[in-house]
Amino acid sequence: MQNNSDYVRRKQAAEYLQAQYGAFTAQTLAKLACVGGGPVFQKMGRMVLYKPADLDAWATARMSAPVASTAELSA
């Protein structure tokens, strides 16, 4: 059985992403939940719930590999 603290609501998910990565708002997460491409989530009734580990996995998957210069990104 999982602990309730393992889940965060959308506003807290956005705050977590802002604190960890400096990006993404609750509005962005809401839009991505509709059109796709966002982090995985679960629903309990109307409430959307995210796991911080899923937020981390999604955010890091959007990052490039480490580079020494921007020229390496187009190579």
PDB file of N, CA and C in Angstrom:
ATOM      1  N   MET A   1       0.839  -1.187   0.000  1.00  0.00           N
ATOM      2  CA  MET A   1       0.000   0.000   0.000  1.00  0.00           C
ATOM      3  C   MET A   1       0.878   1.243   0.000  1.00  0.00           C
ATOM      4  N   GLN A   2       0.491   2.238  -0.801  1.00  0.00           N
ATOM      5  CA  GLN A   2       1.314   3.426  -0.909  1.00  0.00           C
ATOM      6  C   GLN A   2       0.834   4.502   0.040  1.00  0.00           C
ATOM      7  N   ASN A   3       1.744   5.326   0.459  1.00  0.00           N
ATOM      8  CA  ASN A   3       1.473   6.430   1.357  1.00  0.00           C
ATOM      9  C   ASN A   3       0.939   7.616   0.555  1.00  0.00           C
ATOM     10  N   ASN A   4      -0.016   8.360   1.101  1.00  0.00           N
ATOM     11  CA  ASN A   4      -0.571   9.526   0.406  1.00  0.00           C
ATOM     12  C   ASN A   4       0.496  10.558   0.091  1.00  0.00           C
ATOM     13  N   SER A   5       1.561  10.623   0.894  1.00  0.00           N
ATOM     14  CA  SER A   5       2.608  11.611   0.634  1.00  0.00           C
ATOM     15  C   SER A   5       3.417  11.260  -0.611  1.00  0.00           C
ATOM     16  N   ASP A   6       3.184  10.079  -1.186  1.00  0.00           N
ATOM     17  CA  ASP A   6       3.858   9.705  -2.426  1.00  0.00           C
ATOM     18  C   ASP A   6       3.265  10.441  -3.627  1.00  0.00           C
ATOM     19  N   TYR A   7       2.155  11.117  -3.444  1.00  0.00           N
ATOM     20  CA  TYR A   7       1.459  11.791  -4.538  1.00  0.00           C
ATOM     21  C   TYR A   7       1.358  13.288  -4.270  1.00  0.00           C
ATOM     22  N   VAL A   8       1.397  14.068  -5.342  1.00  0.00           N
ATOM     23  CA  VAL A   8       1.175  15.510  -5.243  1.00  0.00           C
ATOM     24  C   VAL A   8       0.128  15.909  -6.277  1.00  0.00           C
ATOM     25  N   ARG A   9      -0.633  16.930  -5.947  1.00  0.00           N
ATOM     26  CA  ARG A   9      -1.611  17.450  -6.890  1.00  0.00           C
ATOM     27  C   ARG A   9      -0.908  18.323  -7.911  1.00  0.00           C
ATOM     28  N   ARG A  10      -1.649  18.747  -8.943  1.00  0.00           N
ATOM     29  CA  ARG A  10      -1.030  19.452 -10.073  1.00  0.00           C
ATOM     30  C   ARG A  10      -0.292  20.719  -9.647  1.00  0.00           C
ATOM     31  N   LYS A  11      -0.881  21.511  -8.774  1.00  0.00           N
ATOM     32  CA  LYS A  11      -0.219  22.749  -8.344  1.00  0.00           C
ATOM     33  C   LYS A  11       1.100  22.433  -7.646  1.00  0.00           C
ATOM     34  N   GLN A  12       1.088  21.440  -6.769  1.00  0.00           N
ATOM     35  CA  GLN A  12       2.309  21.051  -6.070  1.00  0.00           C
ATOM     36  C   GLN A  12       3.318  20.418  -7.038  1.00  0.00           C
ATOM     37  N   ALA A  13       2.824  19.706  -8.047  1.00  0.00           N
ATOM     38  CA  ALA A  13       3.712  19.131  -9.062  1.00  0.00           C
ATOM     39  C   ALA A  13       4.439  20.243  -9.808  1.00  0.00           C
ATOM     40  N   ALA A  14       3.721  21.282 -10.168  1.00  0.00           N
ATOM     41  CA  ALA A  14       4.340  22.412 -10.871  1.00  0.00           C
ATOM     42  C   ALA A  14       5.353  23.113  -9.963  1.00  0.00           C
ATOM     43  N   GLU A  15       5.014  23.282  -8.696  1.00  0.00           N
ATOM     44  CA  GLU A  15       5.947  23.902  -7.749  1.00  0.00           C
ATOM     45  C   GLU A  15       7.208  23.049  -7.600  1.00  0.00           C
ATOM     46  N   TYR A  16       7.032  21.741  -7.568  1.00  0.00           N
ATOM     47  CA  TYR A  16       8.165  20.821  -7.480  1.00  0.00           C
ATOM     48  C   TYR A  16       9.055  20.963  -8.715  1.00  0.00           C
ATOM     49  N   LEU A  17       8.454  20.964  -9.903  1.00  0.00           N
ATOM     50  CA  LEU A  17       9.230  21.089 -11.136  1.00  0.00           C
ATOM     51  C   LEU A  17       9.942  22.438 -11.206  1.00  0.00           C
ATOM     52  N   GLN A  18       9.286  23.494 -10.750  1.00  0.00           N
ATOM     53  CA  GLN A  18       9.923  24.816 -10.716  1.00  0.00           C
ATOM     54  C   GLN A  18      11.131  24.802  -9.785  1.00  0.00           C
ATOM     55  N   ALA A  19      10.972  24.197  -8.609  1.00  0.00           N
ATOM     56  CA  ALA A  19      12.067  24.156  -7.634  1.00  0.00           C
ATOM     57  C   ALA A  19      13.234  23.303  -8.122  1.00  0.00           C
ATOM     58  N   GLN A  20      12.938  22.171  -8.759  1.00  0.00           N
ATOM     59  CA  GLN A  20      13.981  21.244  -9.188  1.00  0.00           C
ATOM     60  C   GLN A  20      14.627  21.636 -10.514  1.00  0.00           C
ATOM     61  N   TYR A  21      13.812  22.135 -11.466  1.00  0.00           N
ATOM     62  CA  TYR A  21      14.294  22.344 -12.838  1.00  0.00           C
ATOM     63  C   TYR A  21      14.085  23.762 -13.371  1.00  0.00           C
ATOM     64  N   GLY A  22      13.369  24.595 -12.622  1.00  0.00           N
ATOM     65  CA  GLY A  22      13.136  25.970 -13.048  1.00  0.00           C
ATOM     66  C   GLY A  22      12.185  26.096 -14.221  1.00  0.00           C
ATOM     67  N   ALA A  23      11.313  25.113 -14.399  1.00  0.00           N
ATOM     68  CA  ALA A  23      10.418  25.143 -15.555  1.00  0.00           C
ATOM     69  C   ALA A  23       9.099  24.463 -15.244  1.00  0.00           C
ATOM     70  N   PHE A  24       8.107  24.818 -16.040  1.00  0.00           N
ATOM     71  CA  PHE A  24       6.779  24.200 -16.074  1.00  0.00           C
ATOM     72  C   PHE A  24       5.826  24.779 -15.021  1.00  0.00           C
ATOM     73  N   THR A  25       4.621  25.048 -15.497  1.00  0.00           N
ATOM     74  CA  THR A  25       3.568  25.602 -14.654  1.00  0.00           C
ATOM     75  C   THR A  25       2.410  24.609 -14.565  1.00  0.00           C
ATOM     76  N   ALA A  26       1.505  24.879 -13.657  1.00  0.00           N
ATOM     77  CA  ALA A  26       0.315  24.037 -13.531  1.00  0.00           C
ATOM     78  C   ALA A  26      -0.497  24.081 -14.825  1.00  0.00           C
ATOM     79  N   GLN A  27      -0.537  25.230 -15.491  1.00  0.00           N
ATOM     80  CA  GLN A  27      -1.274  25.353 -16.751  1.00  0.00           C
ATOM     81  C   GLN A  27      -0.637  24.494 -17.838  1.00  0.00           C
ATOM     82  N   THR A  28       0.690  24.462 -17.871  1.00  0.00           N
ATOM     83  CA  THR A  28       1.381  23.616 -18.846  1.00  0.00           C
ATOM     84  C   THR A  28       1.080  22.147 -18.587  1.00  0.00           C
ATOM     85  N   LEU A  29       1.122  21.737 -17.325  1.00  0.00           N
ATOM     86  CA  LEU A  29       0.821  20.346 -16.994  1.00  0.00           C
ATOM     87  C   LEU A  29      -0.618  19.995 -17.363  1.00  0.00           C
ATOM     88  N   ALA A  30      -1.545  20.922 -17.148  1.00  0.00           N
ATOM     89  CA  ALA A  30      -2.949  20.680 -17.492  1.00  0.00           C
ATOM     90  C   ALA A  30      -3.101  20.511 -19.005  1.00  0.00           C
ATOM     91  N   LYS A  31      -2.448  21.370 -19.770  1.00  0.00           N
ATOM     92  CA  LYS A  31      -2.545  21.262 -21.226  1.00  0.00           C
ATOM     93  C   LYS A  31      -1.932  19.952 -21.715  1.00  0.00           C
ATOM     94  N   LEU A  32      -0.763  19.594 -21.174  1.00  0.00           N
ATOM     95  CA  LEU A  32      -0.116  18.360 -21.597  1.00  0.00           C
ATOM     96  C   LEU A  32      -0.925  17.133 -21.197  1.00  0.00           C
ATOM     97  N   ALA A  33      -1.681  17.226 -20.113  1.00  0.00           N
ATOM     98  CA  ALA A  33      -2.544  16.113 -19.719  1.00  0.00           C
ATOM     99  C   ALA A  33      -3.652  15.903 -20.755  1.00  0.00           C
ATOM    100  N   CYS A  34      -4.037  16.967 -21.444  1.00  0.00           N
ATOM    101  CA  CYS A  34      -5.079  16.861 -22.480  1.00  0.00           C
ATOM    102  C   CYS A  34      -4.522  16.430 -23.827  1.00  0.00           C
ATOM    103  N   VAL A  35      -3.403  17.040 -24.230  1.00  0.00           N
ATOM    104  CA  VAL A  35      -2.885  16.794 -25.579  1.00  0.00           C
ATOM    105  C   VAL A  35      -1.814  15.709 -25.628  1.00  0.00           C
ATOM    106  N   GLY A  36      -1.282  15.338 -24.476  1.00  0.00           N
ATOM    107  CA  GLY A  36      -0.234  14.330 -24.423  1.00  0.00           C
ATOM    108  C   GLY A  36       1.140  14.946 -24.352  1.00  0.00           C
ATOM    109  N   GLY A  37       2.089  14.137 -23.958  1.00  0.00           N
ATOM    110  CA  GLY A  37       3.467  14.592 -23.878  1.00  0.00           C
ATOM    111  C   GLY A  37       3.909  14.994 -22.494  1.00  0.00           C
ATOM    112  N   GLY A  38       3.016  14.974 -21.536  1.00  0.00           N
ATOM    113  CA  GLY A  38       3.360  15.352 -20.168  1.00  0.00           C
ATOM    114  C   GLY A  38       3.724  14.154 -19.325  1.00  0.00           C
ATOM    115  N   PRO A  39       3.991  14.417 -18.055  1.00  0.00           N
ATOM    116  CA  PRO A  39       4.319  13.313 -17.151  1.00  0.00           C
ATOM    117  C   PRO A  39       3.099  12.430 -16.901  1.00  0.00           C
ATOM    118  N   VAL A  40       3.336  11.165 -16.590  1.00  0.00           N
ATOM    119  CA  VAL A  40       2.227  10.270 -16.284  1.00  0.00           C
ATOM    120  C   VAL A  40       1.571  10.726 -14.984  1.00  0.00           C
ATOM    121  N   PHE A  41       0.274  10.458 -14.879  1.00  0.00           N
ATOM    122  CA  PHE A  41      -0.473  10.844 -13.685  1.00  0.00           C
ATOM    123  C   PHE A  41      -1.563   9.829 -13.451  1.00  0.00           C
ATOM    124  N   GLN A  42      -2.174   9.928 -12.300  1.00  0.00           N
ATOM    125  CA  GLN A  42      -3.322   9.103 -11.970  1.00  0.00           C
ATOM    126  C   GLN A  42      -4.446  10.027 -11.550  1.00  0.00           C
ATOM    127  N   LYS A  43      -5.673   9.522 -11.639  1.00  0.00           N
ATOM    128  CA  LYS A  43      -6.824  10.314 -11.217  1.00  0.00           C
ATOM    129  C   LYS A  43      -7.535   9.611 -10.072  1.00  0.00           C
ATOM    130  N   MET A  44      -8.000  10.420  -9.149  1.00  0.00           N
ATOM    131  CA  MET A  44      -8.869   9.947  -8.083  1.00  0.00           C
ATOM    132  C   MET A  44     -10.072  10.877  -8.126  1.00  0.00           C
ATOM    133  N   GLY A  45     -11.144  10.393  -8.738  1.00  0.00           N
ATOM    134  CA  GLY A  45     -12.269  11.288  -9.007  1.00  0.00           C
ATOM    135  C   GLY A  45     -11.827  12.326 -10.018  1.00  0.00           C
ATOM    136  N   ARG A  46     -12.018  13.585  -9.682  1.00  0.00           N
ATOM    137  CA  ARG A  46     -11.594  14.673 -10.567  1.00  0.00           C
ATOM    138  C   ARG A  46     -10.161  15.123 -10.284  1.00  0.00           C
ATOM    139  N   MET A  47      -9.592  14.620  -9.210  1.00  0.00           N
ATOM    140  CA  MET A  47      -8.269  15.055  -8.781  1.00  0.00           C
ATOM    141  C   MET A  47      -7.174  14.334  -9.575  1.00  0.00           C
ATOM    142  N   VAL A  48      -6.223  15.114 -10.097  1.00  0.00           N
ATOM    143  CA  VAL A  48      -5.064  14.583 -10.808  1.00  0.00           C
ATOM    144  C   VAL A  48      -3.915  14.483  -9.819  1.00  0.00           C
ATOM    145  N   LEU A  49      -3.266  13.329  -9.797  1.00  0.00           N
ATOM    146  CA  LEU A  49      -2.168  13.088  -8.860  1.00  0.00           C
ATOM    147  C   LEU A  49      -0.912  12.650  -9.609  1.00  0.00           C
ATOM    148  N   TYR A  50       0.207  13.188  -9.191  1.00  0.00           N
ATOM    149  CA  TYR A  50       1.510  12.855  -9.776  1.00  0.00           C
ATOM    150  C   TYR A  50       2.417  12.296  -8.690  1.00  0.00           C
ATOM    151  N   LYS A  51       3.333  11.424  -9.079  1.00  0.00           N
ATOM    152  CA  LYS A  51       4.385  10.962  -8.182  1.00  0.00           C
ATOM    153  C   LYS A  51       5.635  11.776  -8.500  1.00  0.00           C
ATOM    154  N   PRO A  52       6.330  12.283  -7.483  1.00  0.00           N
ATOM    155  CA  PRO A  52       7.565  13.037  -7.753  1.00  0.00           C
ATOM    156  C   PRO A  52       8.575  12.262  -8.608  1.00  0.00           C
ATOM    157  N   ALA A  53       8.677  10.956  -8.411  1.00  0.00           N
ATOM    158  CA  ALA A  53       9.615  10.166  -9.232  1.00  0.00           C
ATOM    159  C   ALA A  53       9.220  10.211 -10.707  1.00  0.00           C
ATOM    160  N   ASP A  54       7.912  10.210 -11.004  1.00  0.00           N
ATOM    161  CA  ASP A  54       7.458  10.303 -12.396  1.00  0.00           C
ATOM    162  C   ASP A  54       7.739  11.692 -12.961  1.00  0.00           C
ATOM    163  N   LEU A  55       7.615  12.720 -12.135  1.00  0.00           N
ATOM    164  CA  LEU A  55       7.930  14.082 -12.578  1.00  0.00           C
ATOM    165  C   LEU A  55       9.412  14.188 -12.921  1.00  0.00           C
ATOM    166  N   ASP A  56      10.266  13.608 -12.065  1.00  0.00           N
ATOM    167  CA  ASP A  56      11.705  13.625 -12.329  1.00  0.00           C
ATOM    168  C   ASP A  56      12.043  12.875 -13.617  1.00  0.00           C
ATOM    169  N   ALA A  57      11.446  11.702 -13.792  1.00  0.00           N
ATOM    170  CA  ALA A  57      11.718  10.903 -14.998  1.00  0.00           C
ATOM    171  C   ALA A  57      11.305  11.670 -16.249  1.00  0.00           C
ATOM    172  N   TRP A  58      10.158  12.313 -16.213  1.00  0.00           N
ATOM    173  CA  TRP A  58       9.670  13.063 -17.364  1.00  0.00           C
ATOM    174  C   TRP A  58      10.572  14.256 -17.654  1.00  0.00           C
ATOM    175  N   ALA A  59      10.929  15.012 -16.621  1.00  0.00           N
ATOM    176  CA  ALA A  59      11.755  16.212 -16.819  1.00  0.00           C
ATOM    177  C   ALA A  59      13.143  15.846 -17.341  1.00  0.00           C
ATOM    178  N   THR A  60      13.754  14.821 -16.773  1.00  0.00           N
ATOM    179  CA  THR A  60      15.101  14.463 -17.227  1.00  0.00           C
ATOM    180  C   THR A  60      15.090  13.874 -18.634  1.00  0.00           C
ATOM    181  N   ALA A  61      13.991  13.235 -19.029  1.00  0.00           N
ATOM    182  CA  ALA A  61      13.889  12.712 -20.390  1.00  0.00           C
ATOM    183  C   ALA A  61      13.831  13.834 -21.425  1.00  0.00           C
ATOM    184  N   ARG A  62      13.424  15.022 -21.004  1.00  0.00           N
ATOM    185  CA  ARG A  62      13.349  16.173 -21.910  1.00  0.00           C
ATOM    186  C   ARG A  62      14.689  16.897 -22.046  1.00  0.00           C
ATOM    187  N   MET A  63      15.670  16.524 -21.238  1.00  0.00           N
ATOM    188  CA  MET A  63      16.970  17.201 -21.261  1.00  0.00           C
ATOM    189  C   MET A  63      17.884  16.604 -22.325  1.00  0.00           C
ATOM    190  N   SER A  64      18.785  17.439 -22.819  1.00  0.00           N
ATOM    191  CA  SER A  64      19.791  16.950 -23.759  1.00  0.00           C
ATOM    192  C   SER A  64      20.885  16.231 -22.976  1.00  0.00           C
ATOM    193  N   ALA A  65      21.735  15.556 -23.706  1.00  0.00           N
ATOM    194  CA  ALA A  65      22.932  14.985 -23.093  1.00  0.00           C
ATOM    195  C   ALA A  65      23.845  16.146 -22.693  1.00  0.00           C
ATOM    196  N   PRO A  66      24.757  15.931 -21.742  1.00  0.00           N
ATOM    197  CA  PRO A  66      25.688  17.005 -21.380  1.00  0.00           C
ATOM    198  C   PRO A  66      26.536  17.433 -22.584  1.00  0.00           C
ATOM    199  N   VAL A  67      26.691  18.729 -22.753  1.00  0.00           N
ATOM    200  CA  VAL A  67      27.488  19.274 -23.857  1.00  0.00           C
ATOM    201  C   VAL A  67      28.399  20.366 -23.335  1.00  0.00           C
ATOM    202  N   ALA A  68      29.497  20.612 -24.050  1.00  0.00           N
ATOM    203  CA  ALA A  68      30.431  21.660 -23.687  1.00  0.00           C
ATOM    204  C   ALA A  68      30.113  22.974 -24.398  1.00  0.00           C
ATOM    205  N   SER A  69      29.372  22.885 -25.516  1.00  0.00           N
ATOM    206  CA  SER A  69      28.984  24.096 -26.251  1.00  0.00           C
ATOM    207  C   SER A  69      27.687  23.826 -26.999  1.00  0.00           C
ATOM    208  N   THR A  70      27.011  24.893 -27.378  1.00  0.00           N
ATOM    209  CA  THR A  70      25.771  24.742 -28.119  1.00  0.00           C
ATOM    210  C   THR A  70      25.997  24.154 -29.507  1.00  0.00           C
ATOM    211  N   ALA A  71      27.202  24.265 -30.030  1.00  0.00           N
ATOM    212  CA  ALA A  71      27.505  23.687 -31.347  1.00  0.00           C
ATOM    213  C   ALA A  71      27.349  22.177 -31.319  1.00  0.00           C
ATOM    214  N   GLU A  72      27.552  21.557 -30.187  1.00  0.00           N
ATOM    215  CA  GLU A  72      27.418  20.114 -30.075  1.00  0.00           C
ATOM    216  C   GLU A  72      25.974  19.659 -30.197  1.00  0.00           C
ATOM    217  N   LEU A  73      25.026  20.535 -29.898  1.00  0.00           N
ATOM    218  CA  LEU A  73      23.621  20.166 -29.961  1.00  0.00           C
ATOM    219  C   LEU A  73      23.133  19.935 -31.382  1.00  0.00           C
ATOM    220  N   SER A  74      23.700  20.651 -32.357  1.00  0.00           N
ATOM    221  CA  SER A  74      23.246  20.489 -33.748  1.00  0.00           C
ATOM    222  C   SER A  74      24.059  19.454 -34.499  1.00  0.00           C
ATOM    223  N   ALA A  75      25.067  18.911 -33.876  1.00  0.00           N
ATOM    224  CA  ALA A  75      25.922  17.922 -34.563  1.00  0.00           C
ATOM    225  C   ALA A  75      25.246  16.591 -34.695  1.00  0.00           C
TER     226      ALA A  75
END
